[in-house]
N, C-alpha and C. Protein backbone atom coordinates (compact mmCIF):
# COMPACT_ATOMS: atom_id res chain seq x y z
N MET A 1 -21.82 20.87 11.87
CA MET A 1 -21.97 21.76 10.75
C MET A 1 -22.27 20.87 9.51
N ASN A 2 -23.26 21.28 8.76
CA ASN A 2 -23.61 20.62 7.50
C ASN A 2 -22.94 21.37 6.34
N ILE A 3 -22.40 20.56 5.40
CA ILE A 3 -21.84 21.17 4.17
C ILE A 3 -22.40 20.39 2.99
N GLU A 4 -22.34 21.08 1.81
CA GLU A 4 -22.80 20.47 0.57
C GLU A 4 -21.69 20.76 -0.46
N PHE A 5 -21.43 19.73 -1.29
CA PHE A 5 -20.33 19.88 -2.24
C PHE A 5 -20.52 18.87 -3.37
N MET A 6 -19.83 19.10 -4.47
CA MET A 6 -19.74 18.14 -5.56
C MET A 6 -18.51 17.27 -5.31
N TYR A 7 -18.63 15.93 -5.51
CA TYR A 7 -17.54 15.02 -5.20
C TYR A 7 -17.25 14.12 -6.40
N LEU A 8 -15.98 13.94 -6.71
CA LEU A 8 -15.54 13.06 -7.78
C LEU A 8 -15.00 11.80 -7.11
N ASN A 9 -15.74 10.67 -7.29
CA ASN A 9 -15.29 9.40 -6.60
C ASN A 9 -14.20 8.72 -7.36
N HIS A 10 -13.70 7.61 -6.87
CA HIS A 10 -12.62 6.89 -7.45
C HIS A 10 -12.92 6.27 -8.79
N ARG A 11 -14.24 6.17 -9.14
CA ARG A 11 -14.61 5.67 -10.46
C ARG A 11 -14.80 6.78 -11.48
N GLY A 12 -14.53 8.03 -11.08
CA GLY A 12 -14.63 9.17 -11.98
C GLY A 12 -16.07 9.72 -12.10
N GLU A 13 -16.95 9.34 -11.18
CA GLU A 13 -18.32 9.82 -11.17
C GLU A 13 -18.46 11.02 -10.24
N THR A 14 -19.17 12.05 -10.65
CA THR A 14 -19.38 13.26 -9.86
C THR A 14 -20.80 13.30 -9.39
N ALA A 15 -20.96 13.60 -8.04
CA ALA A 15 -22.28 13.65 -7.52
C ALA A 15 -22.30 14.73 -6.39
N LYS A 16 -23.51 15.30 -6.18
CA LYS A 16 -23.68 16.28 -5.12
C LYS A 16 -23.83 15.50 -3.81
N ARG A 17 -23.06 15.93 -2.76
CA ARG A 17 -23.11 15.27 -1.49
C ARG A 17 -23.41 16.26 -0.38
N ARG A 18 -24.12 15.80 0.68
CA ARG A 18 -24.45 16.64 1.82
C ARG A 18 -24.09 15.81 3.04
N ILE A 19 -23.22 16.42 3.91
CA ILE A 19 -22.84 15.68 5.09
C ILE A 19 -22.86 16.59 6.34
N GLU A 20 -23.08 15.93 7.49
CA GLU A 20 -22.93 16.63 8.78
C GLU A 20 -21.54 16.27 9.26
N VAL A 21 -20.64 17.25 9.17
CA VAL A 21 -19.22 17.02 9.46
C VAL A 21 -19.00 16.74 10.95
N ASP A 22 -18.16 15.69 11.21
CA ASP A 22 -17.75 15.47 12.57
C ASP A 22 -16.24 15.42 12.73
N SER A 23 -15.50 15.33 11.61
CA SER A 23 -14.02 15.36 11.72
C SER A 23 -13.36 15.59 10.40
N ILE A 24 -12.16 16.09 10.49
CA ILE A 24 -11.24 16.20 9.36
C ILE A 24 -9.98 15.54 9.82
N GLU A 25 -9.55 14.51 9.02
CA GLU A 25 -8.47 13.64 9.53
C GLU A 25 -7.55 13.19 8.33
N PHE A 26 -6.32 12.87 8.65
CA PHE A 26 -5.39 12.37 7.68
C PHE A 26 -5.45 10.83 7.67
N HIS A 27 -5.75 10.22 6.55
CA HIS A 27 -5.80 8.78 6.43
C HIS A 27 -4.51 8.30 5.70
N ARG A 28 -3.73 7.46 6.39
CA ARG A 28 -2.53 6.91 5.78
C ARG A 28 -2.82 5.82 4.79
N ASN A 29 -3.82 5.02 5.06
CA ASN A 29 -4.17 3.90 4.17
C ASN A 29 -5.69 3.84 4.03
N PRO A 30 -6.26 4.73 3.18
CA PRO A 30 -7.71 4.87 3.09
C PRO A 30 -8.39 3.72 2.34
N GLY A 31 -7.67 3.02 1.48
CA GLY A 31 -8.30 1.92 0.72
C GLY A 31 -9.24 2.45 -0.35
N PHE A 32 -9.97 1.50 -0.96
CA PHE A 32 -11.03 1.82 -1.98
C PHE A 32 -10.48 2.66 -3.11
N GLY A 33 -9.25 2.47 -3.55
CA GLY A 33 -8.69 3.20 -4.71
C GLY A 33 -8.25 4.58 -4.37
N TYR A 34 -8.14 4.99 -3.14
CA TYR A 34 -7.74 6.32 -2.73
C TYR A 34 -6.29 6.37 -2.26
N GLN A 35 -5.67 7.46 -2.46
CA GLN A 35 -4.29 7.73 -1.98
C GLN A 35 -4.33 8.32 -0.57
N PRO A 36 -3.26 8.13 0.20
CA PRO A 36 -3.22 8.82 1.54
C PRO A 36 -3.47 10.30 1.40
N GLY A 37 -4.14 10.90 2.40
CA GLY A 37 -4.38 12.33 2.32
C GLY A 37 -5.46 12.70 3.35
N TRP A 38 -5.89 13.96 3.26
CA TRP A 38 -6.82 14.55 4.18
C TRP A 38 -8.26 14.22 3.74
N PHE A 39 -9.13 13.86 4.70
CA PHE A 39 -10.48 13.47 4.44
C PHE A 39 -11.41 14.25 5.39
N VAL A 40 -12.54 14.62 4.93
CA VAL A 40 -13.60 15.14 5.78
C VAL A 40 -14.59 13.99 5.99
N SER A 41 -14.99 13.79 7.25
CA SER A 41 -15.85 12.69 7.58
C SER A 41 -17.09 13.13 8.32
N GLY A 42 -18.16 12.39 8.17
CA GLY A 42 -19.39 12.72 8.87
C GLY A 42 -20.55 11.89 8.36
N PHE A 43 -21.74 12.27 8.81
CA PHE A 43 -22.95 11.52 8.47
C PHE A 43 -23.48 12.06 7.12
N ASP A 44 -23.60 11.16 6.13
CA ASP A 44 -24.16 11.50 4.81
C ASP A 44 -25.65 11.59 4.93
N LEU A 45 -26.17 12.81 4.73
CA LEU A 45 -27.58 13.07 4.93
C LEU A 45 -28.49 12.43 3.89
N ASP A 46 -27.96 12.10 2.72
CA ASP A 46 -28.75 11.48 1.67
C ASP A 46 -28.65 9.96 1.67
N ARG A 47 -27.55 9.41 2.14
CA ARG A 47 -27.39 7.98 2.21
C ARG A 47 -27.54 7.36 3.58
N ASN A 48 -27.81 8.21 4.56
CA ASN A 48 -28.07 7.79 5.92
C ASN A 48 -27.01 6.83 6.47
N ASN A 49 -25.77 7.26 6.29
CA ASN A 49 -24.61 6.48 6.77
C ASN A 49 -23.45 7.37 6.95
N ARG A 50 -22.47 6.96 7.77
CA ARG A 50 -21.23 7.71 7.98
C ARG A 50 -20.33 7.49 6.77
N ARG A 51 -19.75 8.58 6.26
CA ARG A 51 -18.86 8.46 5.07
C ARG A 51 -17.64 9.39 5.26
N SER A 52 -16.59 9.09 4.51
CA SER A 52 -15.41 9.94 4.44
C SER A 52 -15.14 10.33 3.00
N PHE A 53 -14.70 11.59 2.81
CA PHE A 53 -14.48 12.16 1.48
C PHE A 53 -13.14 12.76 1.40
N ALA A 54 -12.34 12.35 0.38
CA ALA A 54 -10.97 12.94 0.19
C ALA A 54 -11.13 14.36 -0.20
N LEU A 55 -10.44 15.29 0.48
CA LEU A 55 -10.50 16.66 0.17
C LEU A 55 -9.98 16.96 -1.26
N SER A 56 -9.04 16.16 -1.70
CA SER A 56 -8.46 16.32 -3.03
C SER A 56 -9.49 15.94 -4.13
N ARG A 57 -10.58 15.34 -3.82
CA ARG A 57 -11.57 14.96 -4.82
C ARG A 57 -12.87 15.83 -4.72
N ILE A 58 -12.88 16.80 -3.88
CA ILE A 58 -14.01 17.73 -3.80
C ILE A 58 -13.88 18.76 -4.91
N VAL A 59 -14.93 18.88 -5.71
CA VAL A 59 -14.95 19.79 -6.90
C VAL A 59 -15.57 21.13 -6.38
N LEU A 60 -14.73 22.17 -6.46
CA LEU A 60 -15.19 23.49 -5.96
C LEU A 60 -15.56 24.38 -7.12
N PRO A 61 -16.67 25.11 -6.98
CA PRO A 61 -16.98 26.13 -7.97
C PRO A 61 -15.87 27.22 -7.95
N GLU A 62 -15.46 27.65 -9.12
CA GLU A 62 -14.39 28.63 -9.19
C GLU A 62 -14.78 29.98 -8.60
N HIS A 63 -16.01 30.32 -8.61
CA HIS A 63 -16.46 31.64 -8.17
C HIS A 63 -16.80 31.71 -6.67
N ASP A 64 -16.82 30.59 -5.96
CA ASP A 64 -17.30 30.52 -4.60
C ASP A 64 -16.14 30.40 -3.57
N THR A 65 -15.44 31.50 -3.38
CA THR A 65 -14.32 31.44 -2.41
C THR A 65 -14.74 31.56 -0.96
N ASN A 66 -16.06 31.75 -0.71
CA ASN A 66 -16.58 31.78 0.64
C ASN A 66 -17.00 30.39 1.12
N ASN A 67 -16.99 29.41 0.19
CA ASN A 67 -17.40 28.04 0.57
C ASN A 67 -16.51 27.52 1.67
N VAL A 68 -17.10 26.86 2.68
CA VAL A 68 -16.31 26.39 3.88
C VAL A 68 -15.30 25.38 3.44
N VAL A 69 -15.58 24.54 2.46
CA VAL A 69 -14.59 23.52 2.03
C VAL A 69 -13.45 24.20 1.36
N PHE A 70 -13.71 25.25 0.54
CA PHE A 70 -12.61 26.00 -0.07
C PHE A 70 -11.67 26.57 0.99
N ARG A 71 -12.31 27.14 2.03
CA ARG A 71 -11.47 27.73 3.08
C ARG A 71 -10.69 26.66 3.81
N LEU A 72 -11.23 25.46 3.99
CA LEU A 72 -10.44 24.40 4.67
C LEU A 72 -9.30 23.95 3.79
N MET A 73 -9.51 23.86 2.50
CA MET A 73 -8.46 23.36 1.57
C MET A 73 -7.33 24.38 1.37
N THR A 74 -7.58 25.67 1.58
CA THR A 74 -6.57 26.65 1.36
C THR A 74 -5.80 27.02 2.64
N LEU A 75 -6.15 26.39 3.79
CA LEU A 75 -5.35 26.66 5.02
C LEU A 75 -3.98 26.01 4.82
N LYS A 76 -3.01 26.76 5.21
CA LYS A 76 -1.62 26.26 5.10
C LYS A 76 -0.92 26.38 6.41
């Protein structure tokens, strides 16, 4: 499944990202300035490499509650 989202990296920069998701996993020691937490991982379609993104740093539009990432983040 491909998803598109705005992402706030550890340097405070926001960018549009597009990935082909292959997993959602909990990282205990993610490194690179990130805290432990849930990450969505997959192939970054723009950077042609596998990447992981912290769910806590995905910026969601307030009006788009049908967004697949919003639905993943609100699961309890």
